[in-house]
Structure formats: structure tokens, C-alpha cells
N, C-alpha and C. Protein backbone atom coordinates (compact mmCIF):
# COMPACT_ATOMS: atom_id res chain seq x y z
N UNK A 1 70.46 42.65 -30.69
CA UNK A 1 69.19 42.00 -30.60
C UNK A 1 69.37 40.55 -30.25
N UNK A 2 68.44 40.09 -29.45
CA UNK A 2 68.50 38.69 -29.02
C UNK A 2 67.39 37.93 -29.72
N UNK A 3 67.75 37.05 -30.65
CA UNK A 3 66.77 36.24 -31.38
C UNK A 3 66.73 34.80 -30.86
N UNK A 4 66.93 34.61 -29.61
CA UNK A 4 66.92 33.28 -29.01
C UNK A 4 65.48 32.74 -29.03
N UNK A 5 65.39 31.46 -29.28
CA UNK A 5 64.06 30.85 -29.35
C UNK A 5 63.45 30.69 -27.95
N UNK A 6 62.16 30.80 -27.92
CA UNK A 6 61.43 30.66 -26.66
C UNK A 6 61.10 29.19 -26.47
N UNK A 7 61.66 28.52 -25.48
CA UNK A 7 61.50 27.09 -25.26
C UNK A 7 60.35 26.77 -24.31
N UNK A 8 59.56 27.76 -23.95
CA UNK A 8 58.45 27.48 -23.02
C UNK A 8 57.32 26.80 -23.78
N UNK A 9 56.73 25.80 -23.14
CA UNK A 9 55.58 25.10 -23.72
C UNK A 9 54.32 25.93 -23.46
N UNK A 10 53.36 25.90 -24.39
CA UNK A 10 52.13 26.63 -24.13
C UNK A 10 51.37 25.96 -22.99
N UNK A 11 50.67 26.78 -22.23
CA UNK A 11 49.94 26.28 -21.07
C UNK A 11 48.77 25.42 -21.52
N UNK A 12 48.60 24.25 -20.92
CA UNK A 12 47.51 23.33 -21.29
C UNK A 12 46.19 23.88 -20.78
N UNK A 13 45.12 23.58 -21.51
CA UNK A 13 43.79 24.01 -21.10
C UNK A 13 43.39 23.27 -19.81
N UNK A 14 42.72 23.98 -18.94
CA UNK A 14 42.28 23.39 -17.68
C UNK A 14 41.00 22.57 -17.92
N UNK A 15 40.93 21.39 -17.33
CA UNK A 15 39.77 20.52 -17.48
C UNK A 15 38.76 20.71 -16.35
N UNK A 16 39.08 21.52 -15.37
CA UNK A 16 38.22 21.73 -14.21
C UNK A 16 36.85 22.31 -14.60
N UNK A 17 36.74 23.32 -15.47
CA UNK A 17 35.40 23.81 -15.83
C UNK A 17 34.51 22.73 -16.47
N UNK A 18 35.10 21.86 -17.28
CA UNK A 18 34.31 20.79 -17.89
C UNK A 18 33.82 19.80 -16.83
N UNK A 19 34.65 19.49 -15.86
CA UNK A 19 34.25 18.60 -14.78
C UNK A 19 33.12 19.24 -13.98
N UNK A 20 33.19 20.53 -13.73
CA UNK A 20 32.13 21.23 -13.00
C UNK A 20 30.80 21.14 -13.75
N UNK A 21 30.84 21.33 -15.04
CA UNK A 21 29.61 21.27 -15.84
C UNK A 21 29.03 19.86 -15.81
N UNK A 22 29.87 18.84 -15.92
CA UNK A 22 29.40 17.46 -15.90
C UNK A 22 28.74 17.14 -14.56
N UNK A 23 29.33 17.57 -13.46
CA UNK A 23 28.73 17.32 -12.16
C UNK A 23 27.43 18.09 -11.96
N UNK A 24 27.36 19.30 -12.47
CA UNK A 24 26.11 20.05 -12.39
C UNK A 24 24.99 19.36 -13.18
N UNK A 25 25.32 18.85 -14.36
CA UNK A 25 24.32 18.10 -15.14
C UNK A 25 23.90 16.83 -14.42
N UNK A 26 24.85 16.13 -13.84
CA UNK A 26 24.54 14.92 -13.09
C UNK A 26 23.60 15.22 -11.93
N UNK A 27 23.88 16.27 -11.19
CA UNK A 27 23.02 16.64 -10.07
C UNK A 27 21.64 17.03 -10.57
N UNK A 28 21.58 17.76 -11.68
CA UNK A 28 20.29 18.17 -12.24
C UNK A 28 19.44 16.95 -12.61
N UNK A 29 20.02 15.99 -13.30
CA UNK A 29 19.26 14.81 -13.73
C UNK A 29 18.87 13.93 -12.54
N UNK A 30 19.71 13.85 -11.54
CA UNK A 30 19.35 13.07 -10.35
C UNK A 30 18.21 13.72 -9.57
N UNK A 31 18.18 15.04 -9.53
CA UNK A 31 17.13 15.74 -8.79
C UNK A 31 15.79 15.72 -9.52
N UNK A 32 15.80 15.68 -10.83
CA UNK A 32 14.55 15.75 -11.59
C UNK A 32 14.02 14.38 -11.99
N UNK A 33 14.78 13.34 -11.83
CA UNK A 33 14.35 12.00 -12.23
C UNK A 33 13.33 11.44 -11.24
N UNK A 34 12.39 10.68 -11.76
CA UNK A 34 11.43 9.98 -10.92
C UNK A 34 11.70 8.48 -11.06
N UNK A 35 12.08 7.89 -9.98
CA UNK A 35 12.40 6.47 -10.00
C UNK A 35 11.15 5.71 -9.59
N UNK A 36 10.63 4.90 -10.49
CA UNK A 36 9.41 4.15 -10.22
C UNK A 36 9.74 2.88 -9.45
N UNK A 37 8.95 2.57 -8.43
CA UNK A 37 9.19 1.32 -7.70
C UNK A 37 8.82 0.13 -8.57
N UNK A 38 9.43 -1.01 -8.35
CA UNK A 38 9.10 -2.19 -9.15
C UNK A 38 7.70 -2.70 -8.83
N UNK A 39 7.10 -3.37 -9.80
CA UNK A 39 5.78 -3.95 -9.59
C UNK A 39 5.87 -5.04 -8.52
N UNK A 40 4.84 -5.19 -7.68
CA UNK A 40 4.90 -6.19 -6.61
C UNK A 40 4.93 -7.62 -7.12
N UNK A 41 4.30 -7.87 -8.27
CA UNK A 41 4.38 -9.18 -8.89
C UNK A 41 4.25 -9.00 -10.40
N UNK A 42 4.62 -10.04 -11.13
CA UNK A 42 4.66 -9.97 -12.59
C UNK A 42 3.24 -9.91 -13.16
N UNK A 43 2.98 -8.88 -13.93
CA UNK A 43 1.68 -8.70 -14.57
C UNK A 43 1.92 -8.51 -16.06
N UNK A 44 1.38 -9.41 -16.89
CA UNK A 44 1.48 -9.22 -18.33
C UNK A 44 0.23 -8.48 -18.78
N UNK A 45 0.40 -7.23 -19.19
CA UNK A 45 -0.73 -6.35 -19.51
C UNK A 45 -1.46 -6.81 -20.75
N UNK A 46 -2.79 -6.61 -20.80
CA UNK A 46 -3.53 -6.92 -22.02
C UNK A 46 -3.19 -5.91 -23.12
N UNK A 47 -3.44 -6.27 -24.36
CA UNK A 47 -3.15 -5.37 -25.47
C UNK A 47 -4.42 -4.67 -25.93
N UNK A 48 -4.24 -3.48 -26.48
CA UNK A 48 -5.36 -2.70 -27.01
C UNK A 48 -4.87 -1.92 -28.21
N UNK A 49 -5.80 -1.60 -29.12
CA UNK A 49 -5.40 -0.89 -30.32
C UNK A 49 -5.05 0.57 -30.03
N UNK A 50 -5.71 1.19 -29.06
CA UNK A 50 -5.41 2.56 -28.68
C UNK A 50 -5.24 2.64 -27.18
N UNK A 51 -4.34 3.50 -26.76
CA UNK A 51 -4.11 3.70 -25.33
C UNK A 51 -3.95 5.18 -25.06
N UNK A 52 -4.38 5.62 -23.88
CA UNK A 52 -4.20 7.01 -23.46
C UNK A 52 -3.40 7.02 -22.17
N UNK A 53 -2.90 8.18 -21.82
CA UNK A 53 -2.14 8.31 -20.58
C UNK A 53 -3.07 8.24 -19.38
N UNK A 54 -2.58 7.64 -18.32
CA UNK A 54 -3.36 7.56 -17.09
C UNK A 54 -3.07 8.79 -16.24
N UNK A 55 -4.03 9.14 -15.36
CA UNK A 55 -3.93 10.39 -14.62
C UNK A 55 -4.02 10.22 -13.11
N UNK A 56 -3.83 9.05 -12.59
CA UNK A 56 -3.98 8.84 -11.15
C UNK A 56 -2.73 8.20 -10.56
N UNK A 57 -2.56 8.40 -9.27
CA UNK A 57 -1.41 7.83 -8.57
C UNK A 57 -1.76 6.55 -7.82
N UNK A 58 -3.04 6.22 -7.72
CA UNK A 58 -3.47 5.04 -6.99
C UNK A 58 -3.49 3.85 -7.94
N UNK A 59 -2.60 2.89 -7.72
CA UNK A 59 -2.45 1.74 -8.62
C UNK A 59 -2.83 0.47 -7.87
N UNK A 60 -3.81 -0.24 -8.41
CA UNK A 60 -4.24 -1.53 -7.86
C UNK A 60 -3.78 -2.61 -8.82
N UNK A 61 -2.96 -3.54 -8.32
CA UNK A 61 -2.47 -4.65 -9.12
C UNK A 61 -3.38 -5.86 -8.92
N UNK A 62 -3.83 -6.43 -10.03
CA UNK A 62 -4.64 -7.65 -10.00
C UNK A 62 -3.90 -8.67 -10.85
N UNK A 63 -3.35 -9.69 -10.20
CA UNK A 63 -2.52 -10.65 -10.91
C UNK A 63 -3.20 -11.99 -11.10
N UNK A 64 -2.40 -12.94 -11.49
CA UNK A 64 -2.89 -14.30 -11.66
C UNK A 64 -3.34 -14.84 -10.31
N UNK A 65 -4.22 -15.80 -10.33
CA UNK A 65 -4.72 -16.46 -9.11
C UNK A 65 -5.33 -15.47 -8.12
N UNK A 66 -5.97 -14.42 -8.64
CA UNK A 66 -6.68 -13.42 -7.82
C UNK A 66 -5.77 -12.69 -6.83
N UNK A 67 -4.52 -12.52 -7.15
CA UNK A 67 -3.61 -11.78 -6.28
C UNK A 67 -3.92 -10.29 -6.40
N UNK A 68 -4.13 -9.62 -5.28
CA UNK A 68 -4.42 -8.19 -5.24
C UNK A 68 -3.34 -7.48 -4.43
N UNK A 69 -2.93 -6.29 -4.87
CA UNK A 69 -1.99 -5.50 -4.07
C UNK A 69 -2.20 -4.02 -4.37
N UNK A 70 -2.28 -3.24 -3.27
CA UNK A 70 -2.32 -1.78 -3.34
C UNK A 70 -1.34 -1.26 -2.29
N UNK A 71 -0.32 -0.54 -2.74
CA UNK A 71 0.76 -0.07 -1.89
C UNK A 71 1.35 -1.26 -1.14
N UNK A 72 1.25 -1.31 0.20
CA UNK A 72 1.82 -2.43 0.96
C UNK A 72 0.76 -3.44 1.38
N UNK A 73 -0.49 -3.23 0.96
CA UNK A 73 -1.59 -4.08 1.38
C UNK A 73 -1.87 -5.13 0.32
N UNK A 74 -2.12 -6.38 0.76
CA UNK A 74 -2.42 -7.46 -0.18
C UNK A 74 -3.77 -8.09 0.17
N UNK A 75 -4.30 -8.84 -0.78
CA UNK A 75 -5.54 -9.56 -0.56
C UNK A 75 -6.75 -8.65 -0.54
N UNK A 76 -7.81 -9.10 0.13
CA UNK A 76 -9.06 -8.35 0.19
C UNK A 76 -8.95 -7.07 1.01
N UNK A 77 -7.89 -6.92 1.78
CA UNK A 77 -7.69 -5.71 2.58
C UNK A 77 -7.39 -4.48 1.73
N UNK A 78 -7.13 -4.68 0.43
CA UNK A 78 -6.83 -3.54 -0.43
C UNK A 78 -8.04 -2.61 -0.54
N UNK A 79 -9.23 -3.15 -0.44
CA UNK A 79 -10.42 -2.32 -0.57
C UNK A 79 -10.56 -1.36 0.61
N UNK A 80 -10.25 -1.81 1.81
CA UNK A 80 -10.30 -0.90 2.95
C UNK A 80 -9.17 0.11 2.88
N UNK A 81 -8.02 -0.28 2.34
CA UNK A 81 -6.91 0.67 2.17
C UNK A 81 -7.26 1.72 1.12
N UNK A 82 -7.95 1.33 0.08
CA UNK A 82 -8.39 2.28 -0.94
C UNK A 82 -9.46 3.23 -0.42
N UNK A 83 -10.26 2.77 0.54
CA UNK A 83 -11.32 3.60 1.11
C UNK A 83 -10.74 4.85 1.75
N UNK A 84 -9.54 4.74 2.31
CA UNK A 84 -8.89 5.89 2.94
C UNK A 84 -8.54 6.97 1.92
N UNK A 85 -8.38 6.59 0.64
CA UNK A 85 -7.96 7.53 -0.40
C UNK A 85 -9.11 8.07 -1.23
N UNK A 86 -10.34 7.67 -0.95
CA UNK A 86 -11.46 8.13 -1.77
C UNK A 86 -11.70 9.62 -1.64
N UNK A 87 -11.28 10.23 -0.53
CA UNK A 87 -11.46 11.67 -0.39
C UNK A 87 -10.48 12.44 -1.27
N UNK A 88 -9.30 11.85 -1.54
CA UNK A 88 -8.29 12.52 -2.37
C UNK A 88 -8.61 12.38 -3.86
N UNK A 89 -8.96 11.20 -4.29
CA UNK A 89 -9.25 10.95 -5.70
C UNK A 89 -10.21 9.79 -5.80
N UNK A 90 -11.13 9.88 -6.71
CA UNK A 90 -12.09 8.81 -6.91
C UNK A 90 -11.74 7.99 -8.15
N UNK A 91 -10.49 8.08 -8.58
CA UNK A 91 -10.02 7.34 -9.74
C UNK A 91 -8.91 6.40 -9.30
N UNK A 92 -8.98 5.16 -9.76
CA UNK A 92 -7.95 4.17 -9.47
C UNK A 92 -7.46 3.58 -10.78
N UNK A 93 -6.18 3.28 -10.82
CA UNK A 93 -5.56 2.68 -12.00
C UNK A 93 -5.44 1.18 -11.76
N UNK A 94 -5.94 0.37 -12.69
CA UNK A 94 -5.87 -1.09 -12.59
C UNK A 94 -4.77 -1.61 -13.50
N UNK A 95 -3.86 -2.36 -12.94
CA UNK A 95 -2.87 -3.08 -13.73
C UNK A 95 -3.23 -4.55 -13.59
N UNK A 96 -3.95 -5.05 -14.59
CA UNK A 96 -4.46 -6.42 -14.53
C UNK A 96 -3.62 -7.32 -15.40
N UNK A 97 -3.61 -8.59 -15.05
CA UNK A 97 -2.93 -9.59 -15.86
C UNK A 97 -3.80 -9.93 -17.06
N UNK A 98 -3.18 -10.17 -18.20
CA UNK A 98 -3.92 -10.45 -19.43
C UNK A 98 -4.72 -11.75 -19.33
N UNK A 99 -4.31 -12.65 -18.45
CA UNK A 99 -5.01 -13.93 -18.32
C UNK A 99 -6.14 -13.89 -17.30
N UNK A 100 -6.39 -12.72 -16.71
CA UNK A 100 -7.45 -12.59 -15.71
C UNK A 100 -8.82 -12.81 -16.34
N UNK A 101 -9.64 -13.58 -15.67
CA UNK A 101 -10.99 -13.88 -16.14
C UNK A 101 -11.86 -12.62 -16.09
N UNK A 102 -12.71 -12.43 -17.07
CA UNK A 102 -13.59 -11.27 -17.13
C UNK A 102 -14.54 -11.18 -15.96
N UNK A 103 -15.01 -12.32 -15.47
CA UNK A 103 -15.89 -12.32 -14.31
C UNK A 103 -15.18 -11.80 -13.07
N UNK A 104 -13.92 -12.18 -12.91
CA UNK A 104 -13.15 -11.72 -11.76
C UNK A 104 -12.91 -10.21 -11.86
N UNK A 105 -12.64 -9.72 -13.06
CA UNK A 105 -12.46 -8.29 -13.26
C UNK A 105 -13.74 -7.53 -12.93
N UNK A 106 -14.88 -8.08 -13.32
CA UNK A 106 -16.16 -7.45 -13.01
C UNK A 106 -16.40 -7.40 -11.50
N UNK A 107 -16.00 -8.46 -10.77
CA UNK A 107 -16.14 -8.47 -9.32
C UNK A 107 -15.27 -7.38 -8.67
N UNK A 108 -14.04 -7.24 -9.17
CA UNK A 108 -13.14 -6.22 -8.63
C UNK A 108 -13.71 -4.83 -8.88
N UNK A 109 -14.22 -4.60 -10.07
CA UNK A 109 -14.77 -3.28 -10.39
C UNK A 109 -16.04 -2.99 -9.59
N UNK A 110 -16.84 -4.02 -9.32
CA UNK A 110 -18.04 -3.85 -8.51
C UNK A 110 -17.66 -3.45 -7.08
N UNK A 111 -16.62 -4.08 -6.53
CA UNK A 111 -16.18 -3.75 -5.17
C UNK A 111 -15.58 -2.34 -5.12
N UNK A 112 -14.89 -1.94 -6.19
CA UNK A 112 -14.34 -0.59 -6.24
C UNK A 112 -15.46 0.45 -6.27
N UNK A 113 -16.52 0.15 -6.99
CA UNK A 113 -17.67 1.06 -7.02
C UNK A 113 -18.33 1.13 -5.65
N UNK A 114 -18.40 0.02 -4.95
CA UNK A 114 -19.03 -0.03 -3.63
C UNK A 114 -18.27 0.81 -2.60
N UNK A 115 -16.95 0.94 -2.74
CA UNK A 115 -16.19 1.74 -1.77
C UNK A 115 -16.10 3.21 -2.17
N UNK A 116 -16.67 3.56 -3.33
CA UNK A 116 -16.72 4.97 -3.70
C UNK A 116 -15.83 5.40 -4.84
N UNK A 117 -15.17 4.47 -5.49
CA UNK A 117 -14.36 4.81 -6.65
C UNK A 117 -15.28 5.00 -7.85
N UNK A 118 -15.25 6.18 -8.45
CA UNK A 118 -16.17 6.47 -9.56
C UNK A 118 -15.55 6.25 -10.92
N UNK A 119 -14.23 6.13 -10.99
CA UNK A 119 -13.57 5.99 -12.28
C UNK A 119 -12.43 4.97 -12.16
N UNK A 120 -12.33 4.11 -13.16
CA UNK A 120 -11.29 3.08 -13.20
C UNK A 120 -10.56 3.21 -14.53
N UNK A 121 -9.23 3.26 -14.47
CA UNK A 121 -8.40 3.29 -15.66
C UNK A 121 -7.62 1.99 -15.74
N UNK A 122 -7.84 1.24 -16.82
CA UNK A 122 -7.14 -0.04 -17.00
C UNK A 122 -5.90 0.22 -17.86
N UNK A 123 -4.75 -0.19 -17.38
CA UNK A 123 -3.50 -0.01 -18.11
C UNK A 123 -3.34 -1.14 -19.11
N UNK A 124 -3.09 -0.77 -20.37
CA UNK A 124 -2.89 -1.75 -21.44
C UNK A 124 -1.60 -1.44 -22.16
N UNK A 125 -1.17 -2.37 -23.00
CA UNK A 125 0.02 -2.14 -23.81
C UNK A 125 -0.37 -2.13 -25.27
N UNK A 126 0.41 -1.44 -26.07
CA UNK A 126 0.16 -1.40 -27.51
C UNK A 126 0.56 -2.71 -28.15
N UNK A 127 -0.15 -3.13 -29.21
CA UNK A 127 0.21 -4.40 -29.85
C UNK A 127 1.52 -4.33 -30.57
């Protein structure tokens, strides 16, 4: 009988399956993620005691010094750009600056009503 010791090292576990799983997860998260574009200018949102989720994709930014922006359009031309979208949705989301005067906000909302927007959602932050 030969009782010689076996000097072979045990085979190491392969790391390839783990790398495959990591890459599959990476691809999954990259495909399902929604990357939001940055705001066109700095807007400090007003605070409110309760907030609900917004349901529209049309975002109108109203900043300091009466700055207006919708998609790539700035100034008073945003209203004509929004007119093109009234057939798709009659709801617009307003991201207003907290320092915006109430009279100016009323003017913006009046113009939105004049172009056919029936619903306005103002984005606020929790205190």
C-alpha cells in the first residue's frame, strides 16, 4: 500500500460568476435609473406643512427678478411654448422662488389660465 501524502493544493473558487452578477446588476440599475436634468437657475422653494406628489412633466421655473424658463425657452416666450403642450396636458408644475412676490405669482397664474392651463401644481419643500 502506498500511503504517500497528496501534495496537490485544492482548486481555488472562481471569481468569474461573481463578476458576472455585479455587471448584470450594474447594467440593470443603469437602465432603470432616471437622471434628472439640473435646474436652469437656483430656486429656493417655499415651505409648506403638507406636500403631495406632483403628476405632470411640464415644469415652469419662476426665479428671482422675474426669470422664467420652460425647457429651453426663457422669458415671456415660455407662454407660447407652453401653448404647444396644452393638448397633451392641461397641468403645469411651478417651481417658484420663495422670495417671489405674490402679485407676480398671480400674474403668472393668470397668463397660464389664458393659454389654457387648467391646473397648476406648486412645488414646495417640507419645513
